[in-house]
């Protein structure tokens, strides 16, 4: 990809419809020292729609991690001497101190939400993000939620920069990173496969069959995959095997019945498809750490 070398628009010139927030120095220091802001904070945040001529170059990198979510259009970025494209429904994270430059495409300029963030846990989020590269795909529904959360940040600062507003942004931005990393069906932070397959329909199939056992073959067939491929992808997405996940869902159903009904342990065992109540009780203890009777006696909520 050929990249322009022009400097482009600097911060002060702006883009029509933009939203731009930079916290004053005194508030940045106060935010970084506050118990609710020291872990993660995003003092600089904004929205650049159709940002033609947008260009940034930082030969020494930035003091904070940089997140850019490309909602539409395209652009490019360069790190380690390699130039890559950033297209719609993708997010870019540049770690602090990483030399870089980036710019909007001249013909189809990007519309981007962006934030500079730091704090004691910021590097952990950054590591989860970049372990497979600097760019991750963003599912459509996730993108809509990310857009909403960014706009909630802007709303929190709409009346000016205050410590309370910046703490609210810190809270929202932590949630935003969680959505991007752990609720994004196009990517998962613990996955070795990108993009990660969406198993929502498959898990709904499990939920609709809590009263009986499901074999790996039956689950794989429902997902339209071979058993070996399905098992590998499912475990990469959830951390457990498909059969283990289904068993956990059945035990969760038993927990609800223990709390909300007067059914006996034996009756609940039958309800979720276990004909041997003693086996069910042993399984319950293995997963929940206590017996069904103890769980019912100590029910919370």
Protein backbone atom coordinates (compact mmCIF):
# COMPACT_ATOMS: atom_id res chain seq x y z
CA UNK A 1 0.00 0.00 0.00
CA UNK A 2 1.30 3.42 -0.91
CA UNK A 3 1.02 5.95 1.91
CA UNK A 4 0.97 9.69 1.69
CA UNK A 5 3.70 11.58 3.51
CA UNK A 6 1.89 14.90 3.83
CA UNK A 7 1.31 16.22 7.31
CA UNK A 8 -2.44 16.64 6.86
CA UNK A 9 -4.68 18.40 9.34
CA UNK A 10 -3.35 19.04 12.78
CA UNK A 11 -5.42 18.90 15.95
CA UNK A 12 -6.67 22.45 15.98
CA UNK A 13 -8.14 22.52 12.48
CA UNK A 14 -10.77 19.90 13.09
CA UNK A 15 -13.38 18.12 10.98
CA UNK A 16 -17.06 19.07 10.54
CA UNK A 17 -19.12 17.35 13.22
CA UNK A 18 -16.14 16.26 15.26
CA UNK A 19 -16.14 15.74 19.04
CA UNK A 20 -12.88 16.34 20.80
CA UNK A 21 -11.93 16.21 24.48
CA UNK A 22 -8.48 16.78 26.03
CA UNK A 23 -8.28 16.88 29.82
CA UNK A 24 -6.35 19.75 31.42
CA UNK A 25 -3.00 18.88 33.01
CA UNK A 26 -4.14 19.34 36.61
CA UNK A 27 -7.16 17.08 36.14
CA UNK A 28 -5.04 14.44 34.38
CA UNK A 29 -2.79 14.24 37.44
CA UNK A 30 -5.75 14.12 39.81
CA UNK A 31 -7.41 11.44 37.68
CA UNK A 32 -4.27 9.28 37.59
CA UNK A 33 -4.00 9.41 41.40
CA UNK A 34 -7.68 8.74 42.12
CA UNK A 35 -8.51 5.15 43.25
CA UNK A 36 -11.19 4.91 40.55
CA UNK A 37 -9.02 6.40 37.81
CA UNK A 38 -5.54 5.04 38.48
CA UNK A 39 -6.34 1.58 37.10
CA UNK A 40 -7.54 2.78 33.71
CA UNK A 41 -8.41 6.22 32.37
CA UNK A 42 -8.96 7.87 28.99
CA UNK A 43 -8.34 11.62 29.37
CA UNK A 44 -8.16 12.24 25.59
CA UNK A 45 -11.03 10.98 23.46
CA UNK A 46 -12.88 11.99 20.31
CA UNK A 47 -14.84 11.40 17.11
CA UNK A 48 -13.61 12.39 13.64
CA UNK A 49 -16.29 11.86 10.93
CA UNK A 50 -15.12 11.59 7.31
CA UNK A 51 -11.75 12.91 8.42
CA UNK A 52 -10.22 13.81 5.07
CA UNK A 53 -6.53 14.78 5.34
CA UNK A 54 -6.32 13.35 8.86
CA UNK A 55 -2.68 12.47 9.56
CA UNK A 56 -0.62 11.79 12.68
CA UNK A 57 3.05 10.93 12.99
CA UNK A 58 4.80 10.12 16.29
CA UNK A 59 8.42 8.99 15.75
CA UNK A 60 8.84 8.36 19.49
CA UNK A 61 5.38 6.91 20.03
CA UNK A 62 2.73 8.29 22.39
CA UNK A 63 2.77 8.48 26.18
CA UNK A 64 -0.49 6.49 26.29
CA UNK A 65 -1.97 3.53 24.45
CA UNK A 66 -4.08 4.59 21.44
CA UNK A 67 -7.35 2.92 20.42
CA UNK A 68 -8.94 3.73 17.06
CA UNK A 69 -12.27 2.23 16.00
CA UNK A 70 -12.93 2.70 12.27
CA UNK A 71 -16.68 2.90 11.82
CA UNK A 72 -16.66 3.61 8.06
CA UNK A 73 -14.25 4.48 5.27
CA UNK A 74 -10.62 3.43 5.32
CA UNK A 75 -7.19 4.59 6.32
CA UNK A 76 -3.72 3.22 6.89
CA UNK A 77 -1.17 2.96 9.67
CA UNK A 78 2.53 2.20 9.84
CA UNK A 79 4.46 0.49 12.64
CA UNK A 80 7.85 -1.25 12.50
CA UNK A 81 8.26 -0.05 8.91
CA UNK A 82 5.17 -1.97 7.74
CA UNK A 83 2.13 -0.19 6.31
CA UNK A 84 -1.30 -1.79 6.77
CA UNK A 85 -4.88 -0.80 5.96
CA UNK A 86 -7.51 -0.05 8.58
CA UNK A 87 -10.98 -0.53 7.15
CA UNK A 88 -14.53 -0.21 8.47
CA UNK A 89 -15.55 -2.51 11.33
CA UNK A 90 -11.98 -2.89 12.55
CA UNK A 91 -10.15 -1.52 15.58
CA UNK A 92 -6.50 -0.57 15.89
CA UNK A 93 -4.48 -0.45 19.09
CA UNK A 94 -1.04 1.15 19.18
CA UNK A 95 0.85 0.45 22.44
CA UNK A 96 2.43 3.34 24.30
CA UNK A 97 5.94 4.19 23.17
CA UNK A 98 5.45 2.48 19.79
CA UNK A 99 6.66 4.71 16.90
CA UNK A 100 3.88 5.05 14.34
CA UNK A 101 2.02 7.15 11.84
CA UNK A 102 -1.48 6.87 10.41
CA UNK A 103 -3.81 8.70 8.04
CA UNK A 104 -7.22 8.62 6.42
CA UNK A 105 -7.64 7.37 2.86
CA UNK A 106 -7.84 10.36 0.50
CA UNK A 107 -10.78 9.04 -1.54
CA UNK A 108 -12.72 7.25 1.21
CA UNK A 109 -11.64 8.95 4.43
CA UNK A 110 -12.35 7.11 7.61
CA UNK A 111 -14.81 8.03 10.33
CA UNK A 112 -13.18 7.07 13.60
CA UNK A 113 -13.71 7.06 17.33
CA UNK A 114 -10.39 7.28 19.14
CA UNK A 115 -9.00 7.44 22.67
CA UNK A 116 -5.65 7.72 24.41
CA UNK A 117 -5.71 5.65 27.59
CA UNK A 118 -3.33 4.73 30.39
CA UNK A 119 -3.30 3.44 33.96
CA UNK A 120 -2.05 0.48 35.98
CA UNK A 121 -4.15 -2.09 34.07
CA UNK A 122 -4.01 -0.42 30.64
CA UNK A 123 -1.04 -2.55 29.52
CA UNK A 124 -3.00 -5.73 30.32
CA UNK A 125 -5.83 -4.70 27.99
CA UNK A 126 -3.30 -3.65 25.36
CA UNK A 127 -1.54 -7.01 25.55
CA UNK A 128 -4.81 -8.92 25.11
CA UNK A 129 -5.52 -6.77 22.07
CA UNK A 130 -2.19 -6.91 20.24
CA UNK A 131 -1.07 -10.47 20.90
CA UNK A 132 -2.46 -11.37 17.45
CA UNK A 133 -1.53 -8.10 15.75
CA UNK A 134 -2.45 -4.45 16.03
CA UNK A 135 -5.85 -4.75 14.31
CA UNK A 136 -8.87 -6.86 15.23
CA UNK A 137 -12.21 -7.29 13.42
CA UNK A 138 -15.34 -5.92 15.07
CA UNK A 139 -18.72 -7.63 14.63
CA UNK A 140 -21.57 -5.38 13.47
CA UNK A 141 -23.52 -5.60 16.73
CA UNK A 142 -20.36 -5.04 18.72
CA UNK A 143 -19.54 -2.01 16.58
CA UNK A 144 -22.95 -0.51 17.33
CA UNK A 145 -22.34 -0.99 21.05
CA UNK A 146 -18.83 0.49 20.81
CA UNK A 147 -20.24 3.53 19.02
CA UNK A 148 -22.85 3.94 21.77
CA UNK A 149 -20.26 3.69 24.55
CA UNK A 150 -17.97 6.24 22.91
CA UNK A 151 -20.91 8.62 22.66
CA UNK A 152 -21.71 8.05 26.33
CA UNK A 153 -18.14 9.18 27.05
CA UNK A 154 -18.65 12.39 25.05
CA UNK A 155 -21.93 13.01 26.86
CA UNK A 156 -20.19 12.68 30.22
CA UNK A 157 -17.89 15.54 29.21
CA UNK A 158 -20.48 17.64 27.38
CA UNK A 159 -20.70 20.26 30.14
CA UNK A 160 -16.94 20.61 30.51
CA UNK A 161 -14.05 18.67 32.00
CA UNK A 162 -14.49 17.75 35.66
CA UNK A 163 -12.99 15.00 37.77
CA UNK A 164 -16.43 13.40 38.07
CA UNK A 165 -16.90 13.42 34.32
CA UNK A 166 -13.46 11.93 33.68
CA UNK A 167 -14.08 9.21 36.27
CA UNK A 168 -17.35 8.41 34.50
CA UNK A 169 -15.44 8.18 31.20
CA UNK A 170 -12.90 5.87 32.86
CA UNK A 171 -15.73 3.57 33.96
CA UNK A 172 -17.41 3.59 30.52
CA UNK A 173 -14.13 3.09 28.68
CA UNK A 174 -13.22 0.04 30.78
CA UNK A 175 -16.59 -1.43 29.83
CA UNK A 176 -15.95 -0.48 26.19
CA UNK A 177 -12.68 -2.43 26.17
CA UNK A 178 -14.44 -5.40 27.76
CA UNK A 179 -17.11 -5.38 25.05
CA UNK A 180 -14.49 -5.11 22.33
CA UNK A 181 -12.34 -7.92 23.71
CA UNK A 182 -14.82 -10.35 25.27
CA UNK A 183 -18.24 -9.74 23.70
CA UNK A 184 -17.01 -9.31 20.15
CA UNK A 185 -18.08 -12.40 18.20
CA UNK A 186 -15.55 -11.57 15.45
CA UNK A 187 -12.67 -11.84 17.92
CA UNK A 188 -11.89 -13.20 21.35
CA UNK A 189 -8.93 -12.26 23.50
CA UNK A 190 -8.28 -15.86 24.56
CA UNK A 191 -8.60 -17.32 21.07
CA UNK A 192 -5.78 -18.56 18.89
CA UNK A 193 -8.03 -18.36 15.86
CA UNK A 194 -9.04 -15.08 14.22
CA UNK A 195 -11.81 -14.41 13.49
CA UNK A 196 -13.52 -16.51 16.17
CA UNK A 197 -16.68 -18.32 15.14
CA UNK A 198 -19.96 -17.15 16.66
CA UNK A 199 -21.51 -20.02 18.67
CA UNK A 200 -24.57 -18.10 19.90
CA UNK A 201 -26.99 -20.30 17.96
CA UNK A 202 -25.21 -23.44 19.07
CA UNK A 203 -25.40 -22.44 22.73
CA UNK A 204 -29.10 -21.63 22.32
CA UNK A 205 -29.49 -25.19 21.00
CA UNK A 206 -27.83 -26.40 24.21
CA UNK A 207 -30.19 -24.26 26.31
CA UNK A 208 -33.22 -25.72 24.56
CA UNK A 209 -32.02 -29.23 25.39
CA UNK A 210 -31.23 -29.03 29.09
CA UNK A 211 -33.33 -32.06 29.94
CA UNK A 212 -31.12 -34.53 28.09
CA UNK A 213 -27.49 -35.26 27.30
CA UNK A 214 -26.08 -34.06 23.98
CA UNK A 215 -23.23 -35.86 22.26
CA UNK A 216 -20.29 -34.10 20.65
CA UNK A 217 -21.44 -35.41 17.28
CA UNK A 218 -24.94 -33.98 17.70
CA UNK A 219 -23.60 -30.59 18.77
CA UNK A 220 -21.07 -30.49 15.93
CA UNK A 221 -23.78 -31.39 13.42
CA UNK A 222 -25.95 -28.53 14.68
CA UNK A 223 -23.00 -26.15 14.22
CA UNK A 224 -22.31 -27.49 10.72
CA UNK A 225 -18.73 -28.55 11.54
CA UNK A 226 -16.77 -31.76 11.92
CA UNK A 227 -16.52 -32.89 15.57
CA UNK A 228 -12.77 -32.21 15.78
CA UNK A 229 -12.97 -28.75 14.17
CA UNK A 230 -16.05 -27.83 16.20
CA UNK A 231 -14.50 -28.93 19.47
CA UNK A 232 -11.29 -26.97 18.83
CA UNK A 233 -13.10 -23.77 17.83
CA UNK A 234 -15.61 -23.99 20.68
CA UNK A 235 -12.91 -24.48 23.30
CA UNK A 236 -10.91 -21.57 21.84
CA UNK A 237 -14.00 -19.39 22.21
CA UNK A 238 -15.19 -20.48 25.66
CA UNK A 239 -12.25 -22.20 27.36
CA UNK A 240 -14.15 -25.49 27.83
CA UNK A 241 -15.31 -28.33 25.63
CA UNK A 242 -18.84 -28.25 24.14
CA UNK A 243 -20.04 -31.15 26.28
CA UNK A 244 -18.61 -29.54 29.43
CA UNK A 245 -20.40 -26.31 28.57
CA UNK A 246 -23.70 -28.11 28.12
CA UNK A 247 -23.27 -29.90 31.46
CA UNK A 248 -22.54 -26.55 33.14
CA UNK A 249 -25.74 -25.11 31.64
CA UNK A 250 -27.73 -28.06 33.01
CA UNK A 251 -26.24 -27.56 36.47
CA UNK A 252 -27.08 -23.84 36.26
CA UNK A 253 -30.67 -24.86 35.53
CA UNK A 254 -30.59 -27.09 38.59
CA UNK A 255 -29.36 -24.14 40.68
CA UNK A 256 -32.34 -22.07 39.57
CA UNK A 257 -34.75 -24.89 40.43
CA UNK A 258 -33.17 -25.33 43.85
CA UNK A 259 -33.68 -21.65 44.63
CA UNK A 260 -37.05 -21.01 43.01
CA UNK A 261 -38.99 -24.25 43.57
CA UNK A 262 -39.69 -26.76 46.32
CA UNK A 263 -38.82 -29.72 44.10
CA UNK A 264 -36.71 -32.38 45.77
CA UNK A 265 -33.13 -32.99 44.66
CA UNK A 266 -34.32 -36.24 43.09
CA UNK A 267 -37.06 -34.46 41.14
CA UNK A 268 -34.63 -31.78 39.96
CA UNK A 269 -32.21 -34.48 38.87
CA UNK A 270 -34.93 -36.00 36.69
CA UNK A 271 -35.97 -32.55 35.44
CA UNK A 272 -32.56 -31.90 33.90
CA UNK A 273 -32.16 -35.39 32.49
CA UNK A 274 -30.16 -37.27 35.13
CA UNK A 275 -31.89 -40.51 36.08
CA UNK A 276 -29.38 -41.25 38.84
CA UNK A 277 -29.80 -38.62 41.61
CA UNK A 278 -26.58 -39.75 43.31
CA UNK A 279 -24.59 -39.20 40.12
CA UNK A 280 -26.27 -35.81 39.72
CA UNK A 281 -25.32 -34.83 43.28
CA UNK A 282 -21.68 -35.82 42.74
CA UNK A 283 -21.62 -33.84 39.50
CA UNK A 284 -23.21 -30.85 41.25
CA UNK A 285 -20.56 -30.90 43.99
CA UNK A 286 -17.79 -31.13 41.40
CA UNK A 287 -19.02 -28.04 39.55
CA UNK A 288 -20.52 -25.90 42.34
CA UNK A 289 -18.29 -26.98 45.24
CA UNK A 290 -21.24 -27.83 47.54
CA UNK A 291 -24.07 -30.34 47.56
CA UNK A 292 -27.48 -29.43 46.11
CA UNK A 293 -28.94 -29.43 49.65
CA UNK A 294 -26.26 -27.04 50.95
CA UNK A 295 -26.64 -24.83 47.89
CA UNK A 296 -30.39 -24.54 48.52
CA UNK A 297 -29.84 -23.72 52.21
CA UNK A 298 -27.25 -21.03 51.44
CA UNK A 299 -29.00 -19.57 48.39
CA UNK A 300 -28.07 -15.95 47.75
CA UNK A 301 -29.96 -13.11 46.16
